[in-house]
């Protein structure tokens, strides 16, 4: 009678499971939309959906005459040194630092980050 579980079969099965798990994990990264590199990628990587953020950013930019992307990026980096985007947005809301984007009111840090995404997409 042939053995059902041999060391070789167990090792091959375990190896196959590891390969499948790795492929599933990396697959999400492989099929994600790629964007051209920008000087702001460290900031833009914090956005869940960069394309949707760019649409919000276009609304923010419509209300700002002299948008200086380099200055905004430096200020945003400084705001996010010791806190998450969610913490910075909450702090903005608490302190009344808000921006308008096509009728939507958004926390300043998030709005400016979305404006950077819009500039990067242009």
PDB file of N, CA and C in Angstrom:
ATOM      1  N   UNK A   1       0.837  -1.168   0.000  1.00  0.00           N
ATOM      2  CA  UNK A   1       0.000   0.000   0.000  1.00  0.00           C
ATOM      3  C   UNK A   1       0.892   1.245   0.000  1.00  0.00           C
ATOM      4  N   UNK A   2       0.509   2.221  -0.825  1.00  0.00           N
ATOM      5  CA  UNK A   2       1.277   3.441  -0.979  1.00  0.00           C
ATOM      6  C   UNK A   2       0.931   4.412   0.147  1.00  0.00           C
ATOM      7  N   UNK A   3       1.958   5.068   0.717  1.00  0.00           N
ATOM      8  CA  UNK A   3       1.720   6.020   1.800  1.00  0.00           C
ATOM      9  C   UNK A   3       1.032   7.265   1.263  1.00  0.00           C
ATOM     10  N   UNK A   4       0.020   7.740   2.001  1.00  0.00           N
ATOM     11  CA  UNK A   4      -0.704   8.944   1.612  1.00  0.00           C
ATOM     12  C   UNK A   4       0.112  10.195   1.920  1.00  0.00           C
ATOM     13  N   UNK A   5       0.731  10.209   3.086  1.00  0.00           N
ATOM     14  CA  UNK A   5       1.535  11.373   3.485  1.00  0.00           C
ATOM     15  C   UNK A   5       2.998  10.977   3.560  1.00  0.00           C
ATOM     16  N   UNK A   6       3.749  11.443   2.614  1.00  0.00           N
ATOM     17  CA  UNK A   6       5.193  11.267   2.679  1.00  0.00           C
ATOM     18  C   UNK A   6       5.806  12.633   2.956  1.00  0.00           C
ATOM     19  N   UNK A   7       7.021  12.621   3.377  1.00  0.00           N
ATOM     20  CA  UNK A   7       7.700  13.886   3.667  1.00  0.00           C
ATOM     21  C   UNK A   7       7.732  14.763   2.415  1.00  0.00           C
ATOM     22  N   UNK A   8       8.005  14.154   1.276  1.00  0.00           N
ATOM     23  CA  UNK A   8       8.088  14.914   0.025  1.00  0.00           C
ATOM     24  C   UNK A   8       6.738  15.558  -0.308  1.00  0.00           C
ATOM     25  N   UNK A   9       5.648  14.829  -0.183  1.00  0.00           N
ATOM     26  CA  UNK A   9       4.327  15.376  -0.493  1.00  0.00           C
ATOM     27  C   UNK A   9       3.943  16.505   0.466  1.00  0.00           C
ATOM     28  N   UNK A  10       4.261  16.327   1.731  1.00  0.00           N
ATOM     29  CA  UNK A  10       3.957  17.376   2.716  1.00  0.00           C
ATOM     30  C   UNK A  10       4.756  18.631   2.399  1.00  0.00           C
ATOM     31  N   UNK A  11       6.052  18.482   2.096  1.00  0.00           N
ATOM     32  CA  UNK A  11       6.893  19.633   1.783  1.00  0.00           C
ATOM     33  C   UNK A  11       6.431  20.321   0.498  1.00  0.00           C
ATOM     34  N   UNK A  12       6.087  19.560  -0.522  1.00  0.00           N
ATOM     35  CA  UNK A  12       5.591  20.153  -1.765  1.00  0.00           C
ATOM     36  C   UNK A  12       4.265  20.880  -1.527  1.00  0.00           C
ATOM     37  N   UNK A  13       3.397  20.295  -0.752  1.00  0.00           N
ATOM     38  CA  UNK A  13       2.118  20.931  -0.442  1.00  0.00           C
ATOM     39  C   UNK A  13       2.299  22.224   0.333  1.00  0.00           C
ATOM     40  N   UNK A  14       3.181  22.200   1.326  1.00  0.00           N
ATOM     41  CA  UNK A  14       3.441  23.403   2.122  1.00  0.00           C
ATOM     42  C   UNK A  14       4.092  24.482   1.263  1.00  0.00           C
ATOM     43  N   UNK A  15       5.028  24.080   0.417  1.00  0.00           N
ATOM     44  CA  UNK A  15       5.676  25.039  -0.483  1.00  0.00           C
ATOM     45  C   UNK A  15       4.685  25.664  -1.445  1.00  0.00           C
ATOM     46  N   UNK A  16       3.784  24.852  -1.973  1.00  0.00           N
ATOM     47  CA  UNK A  16       2.757  25.372  -2.871  1.00  0.00           C
ATOM     48  C   UNK A  16       1.832  26.349  -2.168  1.00  0.00           C
ATOM     49  N   UNK A  17       1.490  26.040  -0.921  1.00  0.00           N
ATOM     50  CA  UNK A  17       0.629  26.944  -0.159  1.00  0.00           C
ATOM     51  C   UNK A  17       1.322  28.285   0.076  1.00  0.00           C
ATOM     52  N   UNK A  18       2.610  28.263   0.359  1.00  0.00           N
ATOM     53  CA  UNK A  18       3.367  29.500   0.573  1.00  0.00           C
ATOM     54  C   UNK A  18       3.415  30.318  -0.709  1.00  0.00           C
ATOM     55  N   UNK A  19       3.654  29.668  -1.830  1.00  0.00           N
ATOM     56  CA  UNK A  19       3.698  30.366  -3.123  1.00  0.00           C
ATOM     57  C   UNK A  19       2.343  30.988  -3.430  1.00  0.00           C
ATOM     58  N   UNK A  20       1.259  30.266  -3.214  1.00  0.00           N
ATOM     59  CA  UNK A  20      -0.076  30.803  -3.469  1.00  0.00           C
ATOM     60  C   UNK A  20      -0.400  31.978  -2.557  1.00  0.00           C
ATOM     61  N   UNK A  21      -0.034  31.875  -1.303  1.00  0.00           N
ATOM     62  CA  UNK A  21      -0.285  32.975  -0.364  1.00  0.00           C
ATOM     63  C   UNK A  21       0.509  34.215  -0.771  1.00  0.00           C
ATOM     64  N   UNK A  22       1.761  34.016  -1.156  1.00  0.00           N
ATOM     65  CA  UNK A  22       2.579  35.142  -1.605  1.00  0.00           C
ATOM     66  C   UNK A  22       2.023  35.780  -2.862  1.00  0.00           C
ATOM     67  N   UNK A  23       1.559  34.968  -3.798  1.00  0.00           N
ATOM     68  CA  UNK A  23       0.982  35.490  -5.035  1.00  0.00           C
ATOM     69  C   UNK A  23      -0.293  36.279  -4.753  1.00  0.00           C
ATOM     70  N   UNK A  24      -1.104  35.802  -3.835  1.00  0.00           N
ATOM     71  CA  UNK A  24      -2.331  36.519  -3.491  1.00  0.00           C
ATOM     72  C   UNK A  24      -2.008  37.861  -2.838  1.00  0.00           C
ATOM     73  N   UNK A  25      -1.017  37.866  -1.964  1.00  0.00           N
ATOM     74  CA  UNK A  25      -0.636  39.106  -1.274  1.00  0.00           C
ATOM     75  C   UNK A  25      -0.056  40.114  -2.253  1.00  0.00           C
ATOM     76  N   UNK A  26       0.854  39.680  -3.100  1.00  0.00           N
ATOM     77  CA  UNK A  26       1.514  40.581  -4.051  1.00  0.00           C
ATOM     78  C   UNK A  26       0.608  40.937  -5.223  1.00  0.00           C
ATOM     79  N   UNK A  27      -0.370  40.120  -5.503  1.00  0.00           N
ATOM     80  CA  UNK A  27      -1.269  40.388  -6.622  1.00  0.00           C
ATOM     81  C   UNK A  27      -1.976  41.724  -6.487  1.00  0.00           C
ATOM     82  N   UNK A  28      -2.364  42.067  -5.287  1.00  0.00           N
ATOM     83  CA  UNK A  28      -3.027  43.352  -5.064  1.00  0.00           C
ATOM     84  C   UNK A  28      -2.103  44.503  -5.445  1.00  0.00           C
ATOM     85  N   UNK A  29      -0.817  44.371  -5.160  1.00  0.00           N
ATOM     86  CA  UNK A  29       0.141  45.420  -5.501  1.00  0.00           C
ATOM     87  C   UNK A  29       0.432  45.446  -6.999  1.00  0.00           C
ATOM     88  N   UNK A  30       0.424  44.291  -7.624  1.00  0.00           N
ATOM     89  CA  UNK A  30       0.737  44.224  -9.047  1.00  0.00           C
ATOM     90  C   UNK A  30      -0.354  44.832  -9.915  1.00  0.00           C
ATOM     91  N   UNK A  31      -1.600  44.691  -9.489  1.00  0.00           N
ATOM     92  CA  UNK A  31      -2.707  45.168 -10.300  1.00  0.00           C
ATOM     93  C   UNK A  31      -3.186  46.555  -9.916  1.00  0.00           C
ATOM     94  N   UNK A  32      -2.508  47.210  -8.996  1.00  0.00           N
ATOM     95  CA  UNK A  32      -2.832  48.571  -8.614  1.00  0.00           C
ATOM     96  C   UNK A  32      -2.432  49.525  -9.723  1.00  0.00           C
ATOM     97  N   UNK A  33      -3.188  50.584  -9.890  1.00  0.00           N
ATOM     98  CA  UNK A  33      -2.857  51.566 -10.911  1.00  0.00           C
ATOM     99  C   UNK A  33      -1.524  52.217 -10.577  1.00  0.00           C
ATOM    100  N   UNK A  34      -0.685  52.333 -11.570  1.00  0.00           N
ATOM    101  CA  UNK A  34       0.624  52.957 -11.395  1.00  0.00           C
ATOM    102  C   UNK A  34       0.534  54.436 -11.798  1.00  0.00           C
ATOM    103  N   UNK A  35       1.234  55.265 -11.058  1.00  0.00           N
ATOM    104  CA  UNK A  35       1.291  56.691 -11.356  1.00  0.00           C
ATOM    105  C   UNK A  35       2.733  57.071 -11.649  1.00  0.00           C
ATOM    106  N   UNK A  36       2.880  58.093 -12.467  1.00  0.00           N
ATOM    107  CA  UNK A  36       4.224  58.587 -12.757  1.00  0.00           C
ATOM    108  C   UNK A  36       4.850  59.099 -11.460  1.00  0.00           C
ATOM    109  N   UNK A  37       6.145  58.899 -11.280  1.00  0.00           N
ATOM    110  CA  UNK A  37       6.810  59.369 -10.059  1.00  0.00           C
ATOM    111  C   UNK A  37       6.722  60.898  -9.924  1.00  0.00           C
ATOM    112  N   UNK A  38       6.544  61.348  -8.698  1.00  0.00           N
ATOM    113  CA  UNK A  38       6.505  62.783  -8.410  1.00  0.00           C
ATOM    114  C   UNK A  38       7.365  63.056  -7.185  1.00  0.00           C
ATOM    115  N   UNK A  39       7.702  64.317  -6.944  1.00  0.00           N
ATOM    116  CA  UNK A  39       8.446  64.647  -5.728  1.00  0.00           C
ATOM    117  C   UNK A  39       7.591  64.506  -4.459  1.00  0.00           C
ATOM    118  N   UNK A  40       6.308  64.222  -4.641  1.00  0.00           N
ATOM    119  CA  UNK A  40       5.375  64.172  -3.509  1.00  0.00           C
ATOM    120  C   UNK A  40       4.886  62.755  -3.209  1.00  0.00           C
ATOM    121  N   UNK A  41       5.518  61.752  -3.770  1.00  0.00           N
ATOM    122  CA  UNK A  41       5.041  60.375  -3.601  1.00  0.00           C
ATOM    123  C   UNK A  41       5.017  59.931  -2.146  1.00  0.00           C
ATOM    124  N   UNK A  42       5.928  60.451  -1.325  1.00  0.00           N
ATOM    125  CA  UNK A  42       5.906  60.097   0.098  1.00  0.00           C
ATOM    126  C   UNK A  42       4.610  60.559   0.750  1.00  0.00           C
ATOM    127  N   UNK A  43       4.079  61.679   0.302  1.00  0.00           N
ATOM    128  CA  UNK A  43       2.813  62.187   0.836  1.00  0.00           C
ATOM    129  C   UNK A  43       1.620  61.507   0.167  1.00  0.00           C
ATOM    130  N   UNK A  44       1.684  61.382  -1.156  1.00  0.00           N
ATOM    131  CA  UNK A  44       0.552  60.828  -1.896  1.00  0.00           C
ATOM    132  C   UNK A  44       0.315  59.357  -1.582  1.00  0.00           C
ATOM    133  N   UNK A  45       1.333  58.669  -1.089  1.00  0.00           N
ATOM    134  CA  UNK A  45       1.167  57.257  -0.733  1.00  0.00           C
ATOM    135  C   UNK A  45       0.220  57.077   0.450  1.00  0.00           C
ATOM    136  N   UNK A  46      -0.059  58.154   1.155  1.00  0.00           N
ATOM    137  CA  UNK A  46      -0.972  58.075   2.304  1.00  0.00           C
ATOM    138  C   UNK A  46      -2.439  58.108   1.884  1.00  0.00           C
ATOM    139  N   UNK A  47      -2.685  58.393   0.615  1.00  0.00           N
ATOM    140  CA  UNK A  47      -4.058  58.437   0.111  1.00  0.00           C
ATOM    141  C   UNK A  47      -4.492  57.054  -0.348  1.00  0.00           C
ATOM    142  N   UNK A  48      -5.688  56.650   0.020  1.00  0.00           N
ATOM    143  CA  UNK A  48      -6.205  55.342  -0.387  1.00  0.00           C
ATOM    144  C   UNK A  48      -6.491  55.294  -1.886  1.00  0.00           C
ATOM    145  N   UNK A  49      -7.059  56.359  -2.426  1.00  0.00           N
ATOM    146  CA  UNK A  49      -7.422  56.409  -3.844  1.00  0.00           C
ATOM    147  C   UNK A  49      -6.926  57.733  -4.407  1.00  0.00           C
ATOM    148  N   UNK A  50      -5.778  57.681  -5.025  1.00  0.00           N
ATOM    149  CA  UNK A  50      -5.127  58.907  -5.509  1.00  0.00           C
ATOM    150  C   UNK A  50      -5.948  59.603  -6.593  1.00  0.00           C
ATOM    151  N   UNK A  51      -6.622  58.840  -7.434  1.00  0.00           N
ATOM    152  CA  UNK A  51      -7.422  59.445  -8.499  1.00  0.00           C
ATOM    153  C   UNK A  51      -8.638  60.189  -7.923  1.00  0.00           C
ATOM    154  N   UNK A  52      -9.295  59.598  -6.957  1.00  0.00           N
ATOM    155  CA  UNK A  52     -10.429  60.269  -6.317  1.00  0.00           C
ATOM    156  C   UNK A  52      -9.947  61.501  -5.554  1.00  0.00           C
ATOM    157  N   UNK A  53      -8.795  61.388  -4.912  1.00  0.00           N
ATOM    158  CA  UNK A  53      -8.228  62.532  -4.191  1.00  0.00           C
ATOM    159  C   UNK A  53      -7.912  63.669  -5.152  1.00  0.00           C
ATOM    160  N   UNK A  54      -7.441  63.337  -6.344  1.00  0.00           N
ATOM    161  CA  UNK A  54      -7.133  64.365  -7.341  1.00  0.00           C
ATOM    162  C   UNK A  54      -8.398  65.121  -7.755  1.00  0.00           C
ATOM    163  N   UNK A  55      -9.512  64.420  -7.822  1.00  0.00           N
ATOM    164  CA  UNK A  55     -10.777  65.091  -8.158  1.00  0.00           C
ATOM    165  C   UNK A  55     -11.160  66.076  -7.065  1.00  0.00           C
ATOM    166  N   UNK A  56     -11.007  65.679  -5.819  1.00  0.00           N
ATOM    167  CA  UNK A  56     -11.271  66.601  -4.704  1.00  0.00           C
ATOM    168  C   UNK A  56     -10.275  67.758  -4.778  1.00  0.00           C
ATOM    169  N   UNK A  57      -9.020  67.434  -5.073  1.00  0.00           N
ATOM    170  CA  UNK A  57      -7.981  68.448  -5.161  1.00  0.00           C
ATOM    171  C   UNK A  57      -8.262  69.499  -6.216  1.00  0.00           C
ATOM    172  N   UNK A  58      -8.879  69.110  -7.333  1.00  0.00           N
ATOM    173  CA  UNK A  58      -9.251  70.084  -8.356  1.00  0.00           C
ATOM    174  C   UNK A  58     -10.238  71.101  -7.798  1.00  0.00           C
ATOM    175  N   UNK A  59     -11.152  70.631  -6.958  1.00  0.00           N
ATOM    176  CA  UNK A  59     -12.090  71.540  -6.303  1.00  0.00           C
ATOM    177  C   UNK A  59     -11.394  72.478  -5.332  1.00  0.00           C
ATOM    178  N   UNK A  60     -10.412  71.956  -4.615  1.00  0.00           N
ATOM    179  CA  UNK A  60      -9.637  72.787  -3.687  1.00  0.00           C
ATOM    180  C   UNK A  60      -8.854  73.838  -4.473  1.00  0.00           C
ATOM    181  N   UNK A  61      -8.204  73.410  -5.553  1.00  0.00           N
ATOM    182  CA  UNK A  61      -7.396  74.332  -6.358  1.00  0.00           C
ATOM    183  C   UNK A  61      -8.231  75.444  -6.989  1.00  0.00           C
ATOM    184  N   UNK A  62      -9.498  75.167  -7.251  1.00  0.00           N
ATOM    185  CA  UNK A  62     -10.374  76.190  -7.828  1.00  0.00           C
ATOM    186  C   UNK A  62     -10.543  77.375  -6.888  1.00  0.00           C
ATOM    187  N   UNK A  63     -10.291  77.178  -5.596  1.00  0.00           N
ATOM    188  CA  UNK A  63     -10.447  78.242  -4.596  1.00  0.00           C
ATOM    189  C   UNK A  63      -9.122  78.846  -4.142  1.00  0.00           C
ATOM    190  N   UNK A  64      -8.015  78.387  -4.706  1.00  0.00           N
ATOM    191  CA  UNK A  64      -6.700  78.891  -4.314  1.00  0.00           C
ATOM    192  C   UNK A  64      -6.033  79.500  -5.541  1.00  0.00           C
ATOM    193  N   UNK A  65      -5.729  80.795  -5.486  1.00  0.00           N
ATOM    194  CA  UNK A  65      -5.148  81.488  -6.639  1.00  0.00           C
ATOM    195  C   UNK A  65      -3.668  81.182  -6.833  1.00  0.00           C
ATOM    196  N   UNK A  66      -2.902  81.192  -5.768  1.00  0.00           N
ATOM    197  CA  UNK A  66      -1.445  81.054  -5.883  1.00  0.00           C
ATOM    198  C   UNK A  66      -0.957  79.808  -5.142  1.00  0.00           C
ATOM    199  N   UNK A  67      -1.301  78.652  -5.672  1.00  0.00           N
ATOM    200  CA  UNK A  67      -0.935  77.380  -5.046  1.00  0.00           C
ATOM    201  C   UNK A  67       0.535  77.091  -5.318  1.00  0.00           C
ATOM    202  N   UNK A  68       1.327  76.988  -4.271  1.00  0.00           N
ATOM    203  CA  UNK A  68       2.755  76.681  -4.373  1.00  0.00           C
ATOM    204  C   UNK A  68       2.955  75.242  -3.891  1.00  0.00           C
ATOM    205  N   UNK A  69       3.073  74.334  -4.846  1.00  0.00           N
ATOM    206  CA  UNK A  69       3.137  72.907  -4.518  1.00  0.00           C
ATOM    207  C   UNK A  69       4.316  72.582  -3.604  1.00  0.00           C
ATOM    208  N   UNK A  70       5.476  73.184  -3.848  1.00  0.00           N
ATOM    209  CA  UNK A  70       6.650  72.891  -3.024  1.00  0.00           C
ATOM    210  C   UNK A  70       6.437  73.341  -1.583  1.00  0.00           C
ATOM    211  N   UNK A  71       5.872  74.513  -1.402  1.00  0.00           N
ATOM    212  CA  UNK A  71       5.615  75.018  -0.048  1.00  0.00           C
ATOM    213  C   UNK A  71       4.547  74.179   0.656  1.00  0.00           C
ATOM    214  N   UNK A  72       3.505  73.814  -0.082  1.00  0.00           N
ATOM    215  CA  UNK A  72       2.433  72.988   0.497  1.00  0.00           C
ATOM    216  C   UNK A  72       2.989  71.626   0.896  1.00  0.00           C
ATOM    217  N   UNK A  73       3.834  71.041   0.045  1.00  0.00           N
ATOM    218  CA  UNK A  73       4.424  69.737   0.357  1.00  0.00           C
ATOM    219  C   UNK A  73       5.288  69.825   1.609  1.00  0.00           C
ATOM    220  N   UNK A  74       6.089  70.868   1.716  1.00  0.00           N
ATOM    221  CA  UNK A  74       6.944  71.029   2.903  1.00  0.00           C
ATOM    222  C   UNK A  74       6.104  71.196   4.158  1.00  0.00           C
ATOM    223  N   UNK A  75       5.054  72.003   4.076  1.00  0.00           N
ATOM    224  CA  UNK A  75       4.172  72.211   5.232  1.00  0.00           C
ATOM    225  C   UNK A  75       3.447  70.921   5.608  1.00  0.00           C
ATOM    226  N   UNK A  76       2.985  70.196   4.608  1.00  0.00           N
ATOM    227  CA  UNK A  76       2.261  68.944   4.872  1.00  0.00           C
ATOM    228  C   UNK A  76       3.189  67.896   5.480  1.00  0.00           C
ATOM    229  N   UNK A  77       4.414  67.819   4.983  1.00  0.00           N
ATOM    230  CA  UNK A  77       5.388  66.896   5.581  1.00  0.00           C
ATOM    231  C   UNK A  77       5.615  67.238   7.046  1.00  0.00           C
ATOM    232  N   UNK A  78       5.729  68.531   7.341  1.00  0.00           N
ATOM    233  CA  UNK A  78       5.940  68.959   8.729  1.00  0.00           C
ATOM    234  C   UNK A  78       4.745  68.583   9.607  1.00  0.00           C
ATOM    235  N   UNK A  79       3.546  68.700   9.066  1.00  0.00           N
ATOM    236  CA  UNK A  79       2.345  68.349   9.835  1.00  0.00           C
ATOM    237  C   UNK A  79       2.268  66.850  10.109  1.00  0.00           C
ATOM    238  N   UNK A  80       2.804  66.056   9.187  1.00  0.00           N
ATOM    239  CA  UNK A  80       2.659  64.601   9.293  1.00  0.00           C
ATOM    240  C   UNK A  80       3.889  63.904   9.858  1.00  0.00           C
ATOM    241  N   UNK A  81       4.827  64.667  10.403  1.00  0.00           N
ATOM    242  CA  UNK A  81       6.046  64.055  10.941  1.00  0.00           C
ATOM    243  C   UNK A  81       5.727  63.095  12.082  1.00  0.00           C
ATOM    244  N   UNK A  82       4.904  63.509  13.019  1.00  0.00           N
ATOM    245  CA  UNK A  82       4.644  62.691  14.212  1.00  0.00           C
ATOM    246  C   UNK A  82       3.182  62.278  14.338  1.00  0.00           C
ATOM    247  N   UNK A  83       2.422  62.358  13.238  1.00  0.00           N
ATOM    248  CA  UNK A  83       1.013  61.948  13.308  1.00  0.00           C
ATOM    249  C   UNK A  83       0.564  61.383  11.976  1.00  0.00           C
ATOM    250  N   UNK A  84      -0.508  60.663  12.026  1.00  0.00           N
ATOM    251  CA  UNK A  84      -1.078  60.090  10.811  1.00  0.00           C
ATOM    252  C   UNK A  84      -1.922  61.151  10.106  1.00  0.00           C
ATOM    253  N   UNK A  85      -2.292  60.856   8.875  1.00  0.00           N
ATOM    254  CA  UNK A  85      -3.170  61.765   8.141  1.00  0.00           C
ATOM    255  C   UNK A  85      -4.499  61.914   8.868  1.00  0.00           C
ATOM    256  N   UNK A  86      -5.016  60.834   9.410  1.00  0.00           N
ATOM    257  CA  UNK A  86      -6.287  60.900  10.149  1.00  0.00           C
ATOM    258  C   UNK A  86      -6.169  61.793  11.378  1.00  0.00           C
ATOM    259  N   UNK A  87      -5.054  61.708  12.098  1.00  0.00           N
ATOM    260  CA  UNK A  87      -4.856  62.559  13.271  1.00  0.00           C
ATOM    261  C   UNK A  87      -4.740  64.024  12.866  1.00  0.00           C
ATOM    262  N   UNK A  88      -4.000  64.301  11.797  1.00  0.00           N
ATOM    263  CA  UNK A  88      -3.851  65.680  11.327  1.00  0.00           C
ATOM    264  C   UNK A  88      -5.193  66.239  10.865  1.00  0.00           C
ATOM    265  N   UNK A  89      -5.979  65.426  10.164  1.00  0.00           N
ATOM    266  CA  UNK A  89      -7.292  65.869   9.693  1.00  0.00           C
ATOM    267  C   UNK A  89      -8.222  66.148  10.869  1.00  0.00           C
ATOM    268  N   UNK A  90      -8.170  65.298  11.873  1.00  0.00           N
ATOM    269  CA  UNK A  90      -8.994  65.517  13.068  1.00  0.00           C
ATOM    270  C   UNK A  90      -8.592  66.802  13.779  1.00  0.00           C
ATOM    271  N   UNK A  91      -7.297  67.026  13.888  1.00  0.00           N
ATOM    272  CA  UNK A  91      -6.798  68.255  14.515  1.00  0.00           C
ATOM    273  C   UNK A  91      -7.222  69.484  13.703  1.00  0.00           C
ATOM    274  N   UNK A  92      -7.156  69.392  12.381  1.00  0.00           N
ATOM    275  CA  UNK A  92      -7.608  70.495  11.522  1.00  0.00           C
ATOM    276  C   UNK A  92      -9.075  70.806  11.779  1.00  0.00           C
ATOM    277  N   UNK A  93      -9.887  69.774  11.818  1.00  0.00           N
ATOM    278  CA  UNK A  93     -11.322  69.967  12.035  1.00  0.00           C
ATOM    279  C   UNK A  93     -11.595  70.605  13.383  1.00  0.00           C
ATOM    280  N   UNK A  94     -10.911  70.134  14.407  1.00  0.00           N
ATOM    281  CA  UNK A  94     -11.095  70.675  15.755  1.00  0.00           C
ATOM    282  C   UNK A  94     -10.720  72.151  15.814  1.00  0.00           C
ATOM    283  N   UNK A  95      -9.669  72.523  15.075  1.00  0.00           N
ATOM    284  CA  UNK A  95      -9.176  73.897  15.115  1.00  0.00           C
ATOM    285  C   UNK A  95      -9.762  74.790  14.021  1.00  0.00           C
ATOM    286  N   UNK A  96     -10.744  74.293  13.288  1.00  0.00           N
ATOM    287  CA  UNK A  96     -11.419  75.100  12.275  1.00  0.00           C
ATOM    288  C   UNK A  96     -10.600  75.336  11.016  1.00  0.00           C
ATOM    289  N   UNK A  97      -9.560  74.546  10.786  1.00  0.00           N
ATOM    290  CA  UNK A  97      -8.762  74.687   9.561  1.00  0.00           C
ATOM    291  C   UNK A  97      -9.403  73.808   8.488  1.00  0.00           C
ATOM    292  N   UNK A  98     -10.280  74.420   7.711  1.00  0.00           N
ATOM    293  CA  UNK A  98     -11.078  73.696   6.726  1.00  0.00           C
ATOM    294  C   UNK A  98     -10.968  74.365   5.364  1.00  0.00           C
ATOM    295  N   UNK A  99     -11.139  73.583   4.318  1.00  0.00           N
ATOM    296  CA  UNK A  99     -11.147  74.085   2.946  1.00  0.00           C
ATOM    297  C   UNK A  99     -12.428  73.638   2.267  1.00  0.00           C
ATOM    298  N   UNK A 100     -12.842  74.395   1.259  1.00  0.00           N
ATOM    299  CA  UNK A 100     -14.038  74.048   0.502  1.00  0.00           C
ATOM    300  C   UNK A 100     -13.614  73.496  -0.847  1.00  0.00           C
ATOM    301  N   UNK A 101     -14.251  72.410  -1.254  1.00  0.00           N
ATOM    302  CA  UNK A 101     -13.979  71.789  -2.549  1.00  0.00           C
ATOM    303  C   UNK A 101     -15.302  71.436  -3.208  1.00  0.00           C
ATOM    304  N   UNK A 102     -15.754  72.323  -4.090  1.00  0.00           N
ATOM    305  CA  UNK A 102     -17.013  72.091  -4.814  1.00  0.00           C
ATOM    306  C   UNK A 102     -18.175  71.771  -3.882  1.00  0.00           C
ATOM    307  N   UNK A 103     -18.317  72.554  -2.851  1.00  0.00           N
ATOM    308  CA  UNK A 103     -19.420  72.385  -1.919  1.00  0.00           C
ATOM    309  C   UNK A 103     -19.137  71.457  -0.754  1.00  0.00           C
ATOM    310  N   UNK A 104     -18.029  70.736  -0.802  1.00  0.00           N
ATOM    311  CA  UNK A 104     -17.643  69.856   0.296  1.00  0.00           C
ATOM    312  C   UNK A 104     -16.659  70.598   1.190  1.00  0.00           C
ATOM    313  N   UNK A 105     -16.766  70.400   2.474  1.00  0.00           N
ATOM    314  CA  UNK A 105     -15.828  70.986   3.424  1.00  0.00           C
ATOM    315  C   UNK A 105     -14.913  69.869   3.905  1.00  0.00           C
ATOM    316  N   UNK A 106     -13.608  70.083   3.737  1.00  0.00           N
ATOM    317  CA  UNK A 106     -12.626  69.049   4.090  1.00  0.00           C
ATOM    318  C   UNK A 106     -11.559  69.643   5.003  1.00  0.00           C
ATOM    319  N   UNK A 107     -10.963  68.830   5.861  1.00  0.00           N
ATOM    320  CA  UNK A 107      -9.869  69.311   6.699  1.00  0.00           C
ATOM    321  C   UNK A 107      -8.716  69.818   5.819  1.00  0.00           C
ATOM    322  N   UNK A 108      -8.047  70.856   6.265  1.00  0.00           N
ATOM    323  CA  UNK A 108      -7.017  71.514   5.462  1.00  0.00           C
ATOM    324  C   UNK A 108      -5.907  70.571   4.996  1.00  0.00           C
ATOM    325  N   UNK A 109      -5.364  69.763   5.895  1.00  0.00           N
ATOM    326  CA  UNK A 109      -4.276  68.865   5.513  1.00  0.00           C
ATOM    327  C   UNK A 109      -4.724  67.911   4.417  1.00  0.00           C
ATOM    328  N   UNK A 110      -5.897  67.333   4.554  1.00  0.00           N
ATOM    329  CA  UNK A 110      -6.419  66.427   3.537  1.00  0.00           C
ATOM    330  C   UNK A 110      -6.670  67.172   2.234  1.00  0.00           C
ATOM    331  N   UNK A 111      -7.260  68.344   2.311  1.00  0.00           N
ATOM    332  CA  UNK A 111      -7.542  69.134   1.110  1.00  0.00           C
ATOM    333  C   UNK A 111      -6.281  69.499   0.350  1.00  0.00           C
ATOM    334  N   UNK A 112      -5.253  69.905   1.084  1.00  0.00           N
ATOM    335  CA  UNK A 112      -3.991  70.274   0.436  1.00  0.00           C
ATOM    336  C   UNK A 112      -3.300  69.053  -0.153  1.00  0.00           C
ATOM    337  N   UNK A 113      -3.408  67.916   0.525  1.00  0.00           N
ATOM    338  CA  UNK A 113      -2.847  66.677   0.005  1.00  0.00           C
ATOM    339  C   UNK A 113      -3.571  66.275  -1.288  1.00  0.00           C
ATOM    340  N   UNK A 114      -4.877  66.454  -1.312  1.00  0.00           N
ATOM    341  CA  UNK A 114      -5.650  66.176  -2.519  1.00  0.00           C
ATOM    342  C   UNK A 114      -5.264  67.141  -3.641  1.00  0.00           C
ATOM    343  N   UNK A 115      -4.987  68.402  -3.299  1.00  0.00           N
ATOM    344  CA  UNK A 115      -4.546  69.377  -4.298  1.00  0.00           C
ATOM    345  C   UNK A 115      -3.192  68.958  -4.874  1.00  0.00           C
ATOM    346  N   UNK A 116      -2.310  68.442  -4.052  1.00  0.00           N
ATOM    347  CA  UNK A 116      -1.034  67.926  -4.560  1.00  0.00           C
ATOM    348  C   UNK A 116      -1.255  66.763  -5.519  1.00  0.00           C
ATOM    349  N   UNK A 117      -2.221  65.911  -5.197  1.00  0.00           N
ATOM    350  CA  UNK A 117      -2.547  64.784  -6.085  1.00  0.00           C
ATOM    351  C   UNK A 117      -3.063  65.302  -7.425  1.00  0.00           C
ATOM    352  N   UNK A 118      -3.874  66.378  -7.396  1.00  0.00           N
ATOM    353  CA  UNK A 118      -4.381  66.961  -8.637  1.00  0.00           C
ATOM    354  C   UNK A 118      -3.255  67.564  -9.453  1.00  0.00           C
ATOM    355  N   UNK A 119      -2.335  68.242  -8.802  1.00  0.00           N
ATOM    356  CA  UNK A 119      -1.185  68.830  -9.509  1.00  0.00           C
ATOM    357  C   UNK A 119      -0.312  67.734 -10.107  1.00  0.00           C
ATOM    358  N   UNK A 120      -0.132  66.658  -9.373  1.00  0.00           N
ATOM    359  CA  UNK A 120       0.709  65.551  -9.850  1.00  0.00           C
ATOM    360  C   UNK A 120       0.063  64.858 -11.039  1.00  0.00           C
ATOM    361  N   UNK A 121      -1.265  64.814 -11.083  1.00  0.00           N
ATOM    362  CA  UNK A 121      -1.984  64.145 -12.162  1.00  0.00           C
ATOM    363  C   UNK A 121      -2.017  65.002 -13.426  1.00  0.00           C
ATOM    364  N   UNK A 122      -1.808  66.287 -13.273  1.00  0.00           N
ATOM    365  CA  UNK A 122      -1.906  67.205 -14.432  1.00  0.00           C
ATOM    366  C   UNK A 122      -0.704  67.099 -15.340  1.00  0.00           C
TER     367      UNK A 122
END
